[in-house]
Structure formats: structure tokens, C-alpha cells
C-alpha atoms as a PDB file:
ATOM      1  CA  UNK A   1       2.325 -29.398 -22.403  1.00  0.00           C
ATOM      2  CA  UNK A   2       6.153 -29.162 -20.691  1.00  0.00           C
ATOM      3  CA  UNK A   3       6.719 -31.579 -18.309  1.00  0.00           C
ATOM      4  CA  UNK A   4       6.963 -30.367 -15.056  1.00  0.00           C
ATOM      5  CA  UNK A   5      10.231 -30.483 -13.116  1.00  0.00           C
ATOM      6  CA  UNK A   6      10.522 -32.563  -9.714  1.00  0.00           C
ATOM      7  CA  UNK A   7      12.973 -29.329  -8.424  1.00  0.00           C
ATOM      8  CA  UNK A   8      10.587 -27.134  -9.390  1.00  0.00           C
ATOM      9  CA  UNK A   9       7.636 -28.435  -6.681  1.00  0.00           C
ATOM     10  CA  UNK A  10       9.150 -26.298  -3.706  1.00  0.00           C
ATOM     11  CA  UNK A  11       9.499 -23.200  -5.471  1.00  0.00           C
ATOM     12  CA  UNK A  12       5.856 -24.089  -7.423  1.00  0.00           C
ATOM     13  CA  UNK A  13       4.459 -24.651  -4.164  1.00  0.00           C
ATOM     14  CA  UNK A  14       6.110 -21.759  -2.394  1.00  0.00           C
ATOM     15  CA  UNK A  15       5.015 -19.109  -4.844  1.00  0.00           C
ATOM     16  CA  UNK A  16       1.308 -20.888  -4.414  1.00  0.00           C
ATOM     17  CA  UNK A  17       1.417 -20.469  -0.528  1.00  0.00           C
ATOM     18  CA  UNK A  18       2.841 -16.608  -1.209  1.00  0.00           C
ATOM     19  CA  UNK A  19       0.003 -15.733  -3.181  1.00  0.00           C
ATOM     20  CA  UNK A  20      -2.852 -17.045  -1.062  1.00  0.00           C
ATOM     21  CA  UNK A  21      -0.732 -15.650   1.935  1.00  0.00           C
ATOM     22  CA  UNK A  22      -1.224 -12.081  -0.156  1.00  0.00           C
ATOM     23  CA  UNK A  23      -5.066 -13.049  -1.580  1.00  0.00           C
ATOM     24  CA  UNK A  24      -6.138 -13.495   2.469  1.00  0.00           C
ATOM     25  CA  UNK A  25      -4.736  -9.906   3.256  1.00  0.00           C
ATOM     26  CA  UNK A  26      -6.053  -8.495   0.524  1.00  0.00           C
ATOM     27  CA  UNK A  27      -9.218  -9.887   1.246  1.00  0.00           C
ATOM     28  CA  UNK A  28      -8.957  -8.904   5.019  1.00  0.00           C
ATOM     29  CA  UNK A  29      -7.798  -5.251   4.658  1.00  0.00           C
ATOM     30  CA  UNK A  30     -10.556  -4.860   2.662  1.00  0.00           C
ATOM     31  CA  UNK A  31     -12.907  -6.762   5.067  1.00  0.00           C
ATOM     32  CA  UNK A  32     -11.541  -4.039   7.868  1.00  0.00           C
ATOM     33  CA  UNK A  33     -12.564  -0.929   6.019  1.00  0.00           C
ATOM     34  CA  UNK A  34     -16.105  -2.301   5.149  1.00  0.00           C
ATOM     35  CA  UNK A  35     -16.353  -3.336   8.720  1.00  0.00           C
ATOM     36  CA  UNK A  36     -15.633   0.664   9.245  1.00  0.00           C
ATOM     37  CA  UNK A  37     -17.750   1.924   6.099  1.00  0.00           C
ATOM     38  CA  UNK A  38     -14.851   2.886   4.223  1.00  0.00           C
ATOM     39  CA  UNK A  39     -12.568   2.196   1.072  1.00  0.00           C
ATOM     40  CA  UNK A  40      -9.465   0.690   1.476  1.00  0.00           C
ATOM     41  CA  UNK A  41      -8.256   4.187  -0.031  1.00  0.00           C
ATOM     42  CA  UNK A  42      -9.990   6.246   2.402  1.00  0.00           C
ATOM     43  CA  UNK A  43      -8.891   3.864   5.332  1.00  0.00           C
ATOM     44  CA  UNK A  44      -5.380   5.047   4.049  1.00  0.00           C
ATOM     45  CA  UNK A  45      -5.785   8.362   3.734  1.00  0.00           C
ATOM     46  CA  UNK A  46      -7.483   8.693   7.062  1.00  0.00           C
ATOM     47  CA  UNK A  47      -4.133   6.464   8.418  1.00  0.00           C
ATOM     48  CA  UNK A  48      -2.253   9.174   6.892  1.00  0.00           C
ATOM     49  CA  UNK A  49      -3.677  12.028   8.203  1.00  0.00           C
ATOM     50  CA  UNK A  50      -3.965  10.313  11.683  1.00  0.00           C
ATOM     51  CA  UNK A  51      -0.290  10.645  11.789  1.00  0.00           C
ATOM     52  CA  UNK A  52       0.145  13.779  11.405  1.00  0.00           C
ATOM     53  CA  UNK A  53       2.225  15.725   9.069  1.00  0.00           C
ATOM     54  CA  UNK A  54       0.091  14.477   5.871  1.00  0.00           C
ATOM     55  CA  UNK A  55       0.492  15.975   2.624  1.00  0.00           C
ATOM     56  CA  UNK A  56      -1.702  14.719  -0.361  1.00  0.00           C
ATOM     57  CA  UNK A  57       1.066  15.467  -2.537  1.00  0.00           C
ATOM     58  CA  UNK A  58       3.508  13.241  -0.641  1.00  0.00           C
ATOM     59  CA  UNK A  59       1.120  10.917  -0.130  1.00  0.00           C
ATOM     60  CA  UNK A  60       0.201  10.363  -4.187  1.00  0.00           C
ATOM     61  CA  UNK A  61       3.320  10.084  -5.127  1.00  0.00           C
ATOM     62  CA  UNK A  62       4.015   7.402  -2.581  1.00  0.00           C
ATOM     63  CA  UNK A  63       0.994   5.418  -3.143  1.00  0.00           C
ATOM     64  CA  UNK A  64       0.953   6.311  -6.986  1.00  0.00           C
ATOM     65  CA  UNK A  65      -1.715   8.062  -7.213  1.00  0.00           C
ATOM     66  CA  UNK A  66      -2.687  11.150  -8.917  1.00  0.00           C
ATOM     67  CA  UNK A  67      -3.183  13.932  -6.975  1.00  0.00           C
ATOM     68  CA  UNK A  68      -6.915  14.354  -8.399  1.00  0.00           C
ATOM     69  CA  UNK A  69      -7.857  10.819  -6.709  1.00  0.00           C
ATOM     70  CA  UNK A  70      -5.952  11.694  -3.804  1.00  0.00           C
ATOM     71  CA  UNK A  71      -8.026  15.090  -3.843  1.00  0.00           C
ATOM     72  CA  UNK A  72     -11.189  12.885  -4.354  1.00  0.00           C
ATOM     73  CA  UNK A  73     -10.507  10.830  -1.527  1.00  0.00           C
ATOM     74  CA  UNK A  74     -10.224  13.373   0.754  1.00  0.00           C
ATOM     75  CA  UNK A  75     -13.434  15.097  -0.583  1.00  0.00           C
ATOM     76  CA  UNK A  76     -14.993  12.152   0.474  1.00  0.00           C
ATOM     77  CA  UNK A  77     -13.870  12.140   3.731  1.00  0.00           C
ATOM     78  CA  UNK A  78     -14.803  15.718   4.289  1.00  0.00           C
ATOM     79  CA  UNK A  79     -18.524  15.103   3.070  1.00  0.00           C
ATOM     80  CA  UNK A  80     -18.461  12.366   5.494  1.00  0.00           C
ATOM     81  CA  UNK A  81     -17.218  14.008   8.080  1.00  0.00           C
ATOM     82  CA  UNK A  82     -14.431  12.452   8.919  1.00  0.00           C
ATOM     83  CA  UNK A  83     -11.573  14.964   8.578  1.00  0.00           C
ATOM     84  CA  UNK A  84     -11.317  18.540   9.308  1.00  0.00           C
ATOM     85  CA  UNK A  85      -9.129  20.958   6.751  1.00  0.00           C
ATOM     86  CA  UNK A  86      -7.883  24.100   8.040  1.00  0.00           C
ATOM     87  CA  UNK A  87      -5.113  26.592   7.127  1.00  0.00           C
ATOM     88  CA  UNK A  88      -2.056  25.433   8.229  1.00  0.00           C
ATOM     89  CA  UNK A  89      -0.534  28.313  11.285  1.00  0.00           C
ATOM     90  CA  UNK A  90       2.661  28.416  10.480  1.00  0.00           C
ATOM     91  CA  UNK A  91       2.632  28.954   6.507  1.00  0.00           C
ATOM     92  CA  UNK A  92      -0.872  30.053   4.927  1.00  0.00           C
ATOM     93  CA  UNK A  93       0.059  28.455   1.727  1.00  0.00           C
ATOM     94  CA  UNK A  94      -0.568  24.610   3.579  1.00  0.00           C
ATOM     95  CA  UNK A  95      -3.657  22.724   4.400  1.00  0.00           C
ATOM     96  CA  UNK A  96      -3.404  21.073   8.117  1.00  0.00           C
ATOM     97  CA  UNK A  97      -5.589  17.956   8.249  1.00  0.00           C
ATOM     98  CA  UNK A  98      -6.916  16.281  11.235  1.00  0.00           C
ATOM     99  CA  UNK A  99      -9.486  13.490  12.278  1.00  0.00           C
ATOM    100  CA  UNK A 100     -12.480  14.849  13.472  1.00  0.00           C
ATOM    101  CA  UNK A 101     -14.494  13.159  16.104  1.00  0.00           C
ATOM    102  CA  UNK A 102     -16.168  11.097  13.789  1.00  0.00           C
ATOM    103  CA  UNK A 103     -12.937   9.992  12.001  1.00  0.00           C
ATOM    104  CA  UNK A 104     -11.399   8.730  15.393  1.00  0.00           C
ATOM    105  CA  UNK A 105     -14.212   6.852  16.162  1.00  0.00           C
ATOM    106  CA  UNK A 106     -14.270   5.001  12.657  1.00  0.00           C
ATOM    107  CA  UNK A 107     -10.502   4.538  12.748  1.00  0.00           C
ATOM    108  CA  UNK A 108     -10.866   3.304  16.476  1.00  0.00           C
ATOM    109  CA  UNK A 109     -13.440   0.794  14.566  1.00  0.00           C
ATOM    110  CA  UNK A 110     -10.584  -0.513  12.319  1.00  0.00           C
ATOM    111  CA  UNK A 111      -8.116  -0.686  14.974  1.00  0.00           C
ATOM    112  CA  UNK A 112     -10.744  -2.947  17.206  1.00  0.00           C
ATOM    113  CA  UNK A 113     -11.396  -5.175  14.454  1.00  0.00           C
ATOM    114  CA  UNK A 114      -7.489  -5.556  13.753  1.00  0.00           C
ATOM    115  CA  UNK A 115      -6.335  -6.412  17.120  1.00  0.00           C
ATOM    116  CA  UNK A 116      -9.208  -9.074  17.509  1.00  0.00           C
ATOM    117  CA  UNK A 117      -7.940 -10.918  14.110  1.00  0.00           C
ATOM    118  CA  UNK A 118      -4.473 -10.504  15.867  1.00  0.00           C
ATOM    119  CA  UNK A 119      -5.461 -12.284  18.688  1.00  0.00           C
ATOM    120  CA  UNK A 120      -7.700 -14.591  16.624  1.00  0.00           C
ATOM    121  CA  UNK A 121      -4.700 -15.464  14.271  1.00  0.00           C
ATOM    122  CA  UNK A 122      -1.128 -14.632  15.332  1.00  0.00           C
ATOM    123  CA  UNK A 123      -1.811 -15.484  19.133  1.00  0.00           C
ATOM    124  CA  UNK A 124      -1.246 -19.014  19.004  1.00  0.00           C
ATOM    125  CA  UNK A 125       1.509 -19.275  16.902  1.00  0.00           C
ATOM    126  CA  UNK A 126       5.039 -20.090  18.764  1.00  0.00           C
ATOM    127  CA  UNK A 127       7.742 -17.347  18.914  1.00  0.00           C
ATOM    128  CA  UNK A 128      10.256 -18.780  16.824  1.00  0.00           C
ATOM    129  CA  UNK A 129       7.932 -19.791  14.078  1.00  0.00           C
ATOM    130  CA  UNK A 130       7.213 -15.930  13.763  1.00  0.00           C
ATOM    131  CA  UNK A 131      10.676 -15.362  14.136  1.00  0.00           C
ATOM    132  CA  UNK A 132      11.241 -17.267  11.324  1.00  0.00           C
ATOM    133  CA  UNK A 133       9.358 -16.335   9.029  1.00  0.00           C
ATOM    134  CA  UNK A 134       9.776 -12.440   9.368  1.00  0.00           C
ATOM    135  CA  UNK A 135      13.518 -13.658   8.891  1.00  0.00           C
ATOM    136  CA  UNK A 136      12.435 -14.934   5.634  1.00  0.00           C
ATOM    137  CA  UNK A 137       9.454 -12.590   5.231  1.00  0.00           C
ATOM    138  CA  UNK A 138      12.334  -9.482   5.092  1.00  0.00           C
ATOM    139  CA  UNK A 139      14.471 -10.716   2.835  1.00  0.00           C
ATOM    140  CA  UNK A 140      11.974 -11.979   0.117  1.00  0.00           C
ATOM    141  CA  UNK A 141      11.128  -8.506   0.235  1.00  0.00           C
ATOM    142  CA  UNK A 142      14.210  -7.380  -0.100  1.00  0.00           C
ATOM    143  CA  UNK A 143      15.342  -9.326  -2.970  1.00  0.00           C
ATOM    144  CA  UNK A 144      11.376  -8.535  -4.395  1.00  0.00           C
ATOM    145  CA  UNK A 145      12.528  -4.645  -3.981  1.00  0.00           C
ATOM    146  CA  UNK A 146      15.942  -5.560  -5.462  1.00  0.00           C
ATOM    147  CA  UNK A 147      14.582  -7.314  -8.708  1.00  0.00           C
ATOM    148  CA  UNK A 148      12.095  -4.254  -8.953  1.00  0.00           C
ATOM    149  CA  UNK A 149      14.626  -1.394  -8.955  1.00  0.00           C
ATOM    150  CA  UNK A 150      16.921  -3.780 -11.485  1.00  0.00           C
ATOM    151  CA  UNK A 151      13.526  -4.251 -13.854  1.00  0.00           C
ATOM    152  CA  UNK A 152      12.909  -0.192 -13.417  1.00  0.00           C
ATOM    153  CA  UNK A 153      16.536   0.312 -14.588  1.00  0.00           C
ATOM    154  CA  UNK A 154      16.627  -1.556 -17.035  1.00  0.00           C
ATOM    155  CA  UNK A 155      13.361  -0.423 -18.587  1.00  0.00           C
ATOM    156  CA  UNK A 156      14.315   3.322 -17.945  1.00  0.00           C
ATOM    157  CA  UNK A 157      17.561   2.625 -19.903  1.00  0.00           C
ATOM    158  CA  UNK A 158      14.982   1.428 -23.417  1.00  0.00           C
ATOM    159  CA  UNK A 159      13.010   4.736 -22.438  1.00  0.00           C
ATOM    160  CA  UNK A 160      15.631   6.553 -23.281  1.00  0.00           C
ATOM    161  CA  UNK A 161      14.986   5.730 -26.598  1.00  0.00           C
ATOM    162  CA  UNK A 162      12.492   8.399 -28.326  1.00  0.00           C
ATOM    163  CA  UNK A 163      10.342   8.648 -31.732  1.00  0.00           C
ATOM    164  CA  UNK A 164      11.374  10.896 -34.345  1.00  0.00           C
ATOM    165  CA  UNK A 165       8.573  12.633 -36.358  1.00  0.00           C
ATOM    166  CA  UNK A 166       9.036   9.710 -38.834  1.00  0.00           C
ATOM    167  CA  UNK A 167       8.403   7.066 -36.952  1.00  0.00           C
ATOM    168  CA  UNK A 168      12.297   5.885 -36.259  1.00  0.00           C
ATOM    169  CA  UNK A 169      14.088   5.604 -32.808  1.00  0.00           C
ATOM    170  CA  UNK A 170      16.690   7.506 -31.595  1.00  0.00           C
ATOM    171  CA  UNK A 171      18.815   6.616 -29.134  1.00  0.00           C
ATOM    172  CA  UNK A 172      20.269   9.137 -26.430  1.00  0.00           C
ATOM    173  CA  UNK A 173      23.301   9.067 -24.928  1.00  0.00           C
END
């Protein structure tokens, strides 16, 4: 077993704390959704619809989901009478999605639960600690996103190789 380097300890502790925070947020999102009788995906779609100008294809692309998966969630929401769909008055090829009264009520349950959590969890924290956390989180997110783009580009270059009929690889230039 490799020997742990003492200089790695702060990094390991930071990664463990970040993983714990990420897991806690994921559990909390699930808890908020379930509290309103929704799945997390249904909640995300309802949030988008409530923001107006909802386009299922754009939502699917942004969330890296298939259009069919988003359509399935919309059908579930329609069946539960949480959303309404109509033909767009400006363009008959477009659909207009809106929350029903029941959908607005469901989103209000989520909003109240979220507000209660914000007050319990965040209200006692010092403003300077929140500012420091916000700054650090922004820098870390930017670094992670930069790394993600670099990895995508690196792997994209490798994917420019294509298989030939005989199973060999040809590099496209």
C-alpha cells in the first residue's frame, strides 16, 4: 500500500468535505422534490416551465437528456395536471407550456420548504464566511469547468479517429 504523503492531507480533507457537501445537496434536492410529490427531474422541468419560454429540446440539450426523456416527464406532469400545453399564438408550430394552479401550488410547497432550509442552515453564518465560501466556490467551479472543457477537447481529438472496415484506425487531419 502506498505511503500517504503529509502534504496531500489538506487536499484529501478538502475533497472529502466537498464530496460530503455534494452528497448533502443531492439528498436535500431529492428531499425537496419528494416533499412536493415530485421526482427531481419533474421539479427541474416545472422550474423551467415556470420561468416562461420553456423549450423541451433546449432543456434536453442543456441537461444532457434525450428529447424523448424530457417528453416523458412532460407527459407525467400533464397527466398529474401540473402543467398545461397549448399552441403558441405567434407560431402554430410551437407549443406554449404553463403551470396550472395545481402546478403553481406544488412549486409553492417547494419554495416554502427551500426557504425554511435556507433560514435554518445559512442564516447563522457570518457574512464574511459566506463571502469567502462564495469566492472559493466560484474559483473552484471555474477551474473544474476549464478542466472539463480541456478534457472534452482532448477526447474530441481522439474521437477524430474512425474505424475502417477492416478494424484499423484512420486519423482524420
